[in-house]
Amino acid sequence: MRISLIAVGKTRDKHAAALCADYAGRIPRFAPFTIHEVKDGRRMESGPARKAEGERLLGKLPAGCRPVLLDEFGTRRTSVELAAWLETRQRDTRDLRFVLGGPWGFSDEVRARATDSLRLSDMTLPHELARVLFLEQLYRALSINAGRKYHNGTP
């Protein structure tokens, strides 16, 4: 299974970028992994920004991939539950694409295209922190499935 993160905007904070690079570099030990960034609509009003970002995101979601929104309305999962969910996806999915939207959220078209959604926190997270958190949790879930000692909880 190939895994991708499709994200609106770039990570501008150097500390967050370093953490993202660290985890993104670890993930390919377990599965092919890529990050794709689409241009944000920072200089636009919320409605037009969400629409423009949505069109760019849809361009990164080809037929046959399984899009999963990283979304405040998504399903809550523990790290162990995420690992189990990923293990199931490895049996039924070839191209898994996690989608991280911009500050205005997702367009209706992107929501309609998604097959699943995942909540990273009940609290609102800055975009760059959400990216770091997701990458760490993806690495953790893959390491749990591989039987590695990274996760100290009960698998």
Protein backbone atom coordinates (compact mmCIF):
# COMPACT_ATOMS: atom_id res chain seq x y z
CA MET A 1 0.00 0.00 0.00
CA ARG A 2 1.26 3.46 -0.91
CA ILE A 3 0.52 6.23 1.59
CA SER A 4 0.48 9.95 0.85
CA LEU A 5 -0.22 13.15 2.72
CA ILE A 6 -1.86 15.82 0.59
CA ALA A 7 -1.62 19.15 2.41
CA VAL A 8 -2.74 22.69 1.73
CA GLY A 9 0.21 25.06 2.06
CA LYS A 10 3.79 24.66 3.10
CA THR A 11 5.31 24.22 6.54
CA ARG A 12 6.93 27.61 7.10
CA ASP A 13 8.09 27.22 10.71
CA LYS A 14 11.59 25.73 10.63
CA HIS A 15 11.07 23.69 13.81
CA ALA A 16 7.82 22.16 12.57
CA ALA A 17 9.43 21.53 9.17
CA ALA A 18 12.31 19.68 10.84
CA LEU A 19 9.91 17.47 12.79
CA CYS A 20 7.87 16.78 9.64
CA ALA A 21 11.02 15.86 7.74
CA ASP A 22 12.13 13.54 10.55
CA TYR A 23 8.87 11.57 10.68
CA ALA A 24 8.40 11.64 6.89
CA GLY A 25 11.86 10.11 6.63
CA ARG A 26 10.99 7.30 9.03
CA ILE A 27 7.67 6.26 7.47
CA PRO A 28 9.15 4.69 4.27
CA ARG A 29 10.70 1.97 6.45
CA PHE A 30 7.18 0.53 6.55
CA ALA A 31 5.42 1.71 3.37
CA PRO A 32 6.09 3.88 0.32
CA PHE A 33 5.27 7.45 1.40
CA THR A 34 5.06 10.86 -0.24
CA ILE A 35 3.92 14.35 0.70
CA HIS A 36 2.20 16.57 -1.86
CA GLU A 37 1.50 20.22 -1.12
CA VAL A 38 -1.03 22.37 -2.93
CA LYS A 39 -1.04 26.15 -2.96
CA ASP A 40 -3.08 27.75 -0.20
CA GLY A 41 -5.62 30.52 -0.62
CA ARG A 42 -4.14 32.76 2.09
CA ARG A 43 -4.86 35.98 0.26
CA MET A 44 -8.49 35.06 -0.47
CA GLU A 45 -11.73 35.26 1.49
CA SER A 46 -12.84 32.01 3.15
CA GLY A 47 -15.37 30.87 0.51
CA PRO A 48 -13.19 31.41 -2.57
CA ALA A 49 -10.14 30.03 -0.71
CA ARG A 50 -11.97 26.83 0.25
CA LYS A 51 -13.16 26.41 -3.37
CA ALA A 52 -9.71 27.03 -4.92
CA GLU A 53 -7.95 24.79 -2.41
CA GLY A 54 -10.62 22.14 -2.96
CA GLU A 55 -10.01 22.12 -6.71
CA ARG A 56 -6.26 21.74 -6.11
CA LEU A 57 -6.83 18.93 -3.61
CA LEU A 58 -9.16 17.09 -5.99
CA GLY A 59 -6.39 17.22 -8.58
CA LYS A 60 -4.28 15.11 -6.19
CA LEU A 61 -7.04 12.52 -5.61
CA PRO A 62 -7.14 10.30 -8.71
CA ALA A 63 -9.72 7.60 -9.27
CA GLY A 64 -8.76 4.48 -7.38
CA CYS A 65 -7.17 6.21 -4.39
CA ARG A 66 -8.77 6.16 -0.95
CA PRO A 67 -8.94 9.74 0.43
CA VAL A 68 -9.09 10.19 4.20
CA LEU A 69 -9.74 13.68 5.53
CA LEU A 70 -7.82 14.87 8.58
CA ASP A 71 -10.78 16.74 9.95
CA GLU A 72 -12.24 18.10 13.17
CA PHE A 73 -15.42 16.11 12.43
CA GLY A 74 -13.55 12.86 11.78
CA THR A 75 -13.55 9.59 13.67
CA ARG A 76 -11.67 9.54 16.97
CA ARG A 77 -9.06 6.80 17.15
CA THR A 78 -6.36 5.95 19.65
CA SER A 79 -2.90 5.16 18.30
CA VAL A 80 -3.61 1.43 18.62
CA GLU A 81 -6.99 1.83 16.87
CA LEU A 82 -5.30 3.75 14.06
CA ALA A 83 -2.77 0.92 13.71
CA ALA A 84 -5.57 -1.65 13.44
CA TRP A 85 -7.43 0.52 10.92
CA LEU A 86 -4.24 0.85 8.83
CA GLU A 87 -3.70 -2.90 8.95
CA THR A 88 -7.17 -3.40 7.50
CA ARG A 89 -6.50 -0.78 4.82
CA GLN A 90 -3.33 -2.63 3.80
CA ARG A 91 -5.56 -5.55 2.79
CA ASP A 92 -8.12 -3.54 0.82
CA THR A 93 -6.36 -0.38 -0.40
CA ARG A 94 -3.48 0.21 -2.80
CA ASP A 95 -3.31 4.02 -2.62
CA LEU A 96 -4.19 5.66 0.71
CA ARG A 97 -4.19 9.47 0.69
CA PHE A 98 -4.60 11.50 3.86
CA VAL A 99 -5.80 15.05 3.18
CA LEU A 100 -4.99 18.04 5.40
CA GLY A 101 -7.02 21.10 4.46
CA GLY A 102 -6.40 24.77 4.99
CA PRO A 103 -7.69 27.01 7.77
CA TRP A 104 -11.16 27.23 6.18
CA GLY A 105 -11.62 23.48 5.98
CA PHE A 106 -12.68 21.40 3.00
CA SER A 107 -14.95 22.19 0.08
CA ASP A 108 -18.13 20.15 -0.30
CA GLU A 109 -16.58 18.46 -3.34
CA VAL A 110 -13.56 17.25 -1.35
CA ARG A 111 -15.84 16.03 1.45
CA ALA A 112 -17.92 14.12 -1.08
CA ARG A 113 -14.81 12.47 -2.53
CA ALA A 114 -13.50 11.24 0.84
CA THR A 115 -14.12 7.69 2.00
CA ASP A 116 -13.11 8.27 5.64
CA SER A 117 -12.11 11.01 8.04
CA LEU A 118 -9.82 11.07 11.04
CA ARG A 119 -9.86 13.49 13.96
CA LEU A 120 -6.41 14.33 15.31
CA SER A 121 -7.66 16.16 18.41
CA ASP A 122 -10.77 17.58 20.02
CA MET A 123 -8.86 20.86 20.24
CA THR A 124 -8.17 23.17 17.33
CA LEU A 125 -4.60 22.75 16.10
CA PRO A 126 -2.48 25.10 14.01
CA HIS A 127 -2.00 23.68 10.52
CA GLU A 128 1.72 23.05 11.00
CA LEU A 129 1.21 21.29 14.33
CA ALA A 130 -1.55 19.14 12.82
CA ARG A 131 0.90 18.04 10.14
CA VAL A 132 3.56 17.10 12.71
CA LEU A 133 1.00 15.29 14.87
CA PHE A 134 -0.37 13.32 11.93
CA LEU A 135 3.07 12.26 10.70
CA GLU A 136 4.09 11.13 14.18
CA GLN A 137 0.87 9.14 14.64
CA LEU A 138 1.20 7.55 11.20
CA TYR A 139 4.76 6.50 12.04
CA ARG A 140 3.60 5.22 15.45
CA ALA A 141 0.75 3.18 13.93
CA LEU A 142 3.02 1.64 11.30
CA SER A 143 5.63 0.81 13.94
CA ILE A 144 2.95 -0.84 16.12
CA ASN A 145 1.92 -3.00 13.16
CA ALA A 146 5.55 -3.93 12.51
CA GLY A 147 6.05 -4.95 16.16
CA ARG A 148 8.64 -2.23 16.79
CA LYS A 149 9.26 -0.88 20.30
CA TYR A 150 8.49 2.79 19.49
CA HIS A 151 5.03 2.63 21.11
CA ASN A 152 5.09 1.93 24.86
CA GLY A 153 1.36 1.32 25.23
CA THR A 154 -0.39 -2.00 24.93
CA PRO A 155 -0.79 -2.89 21.23
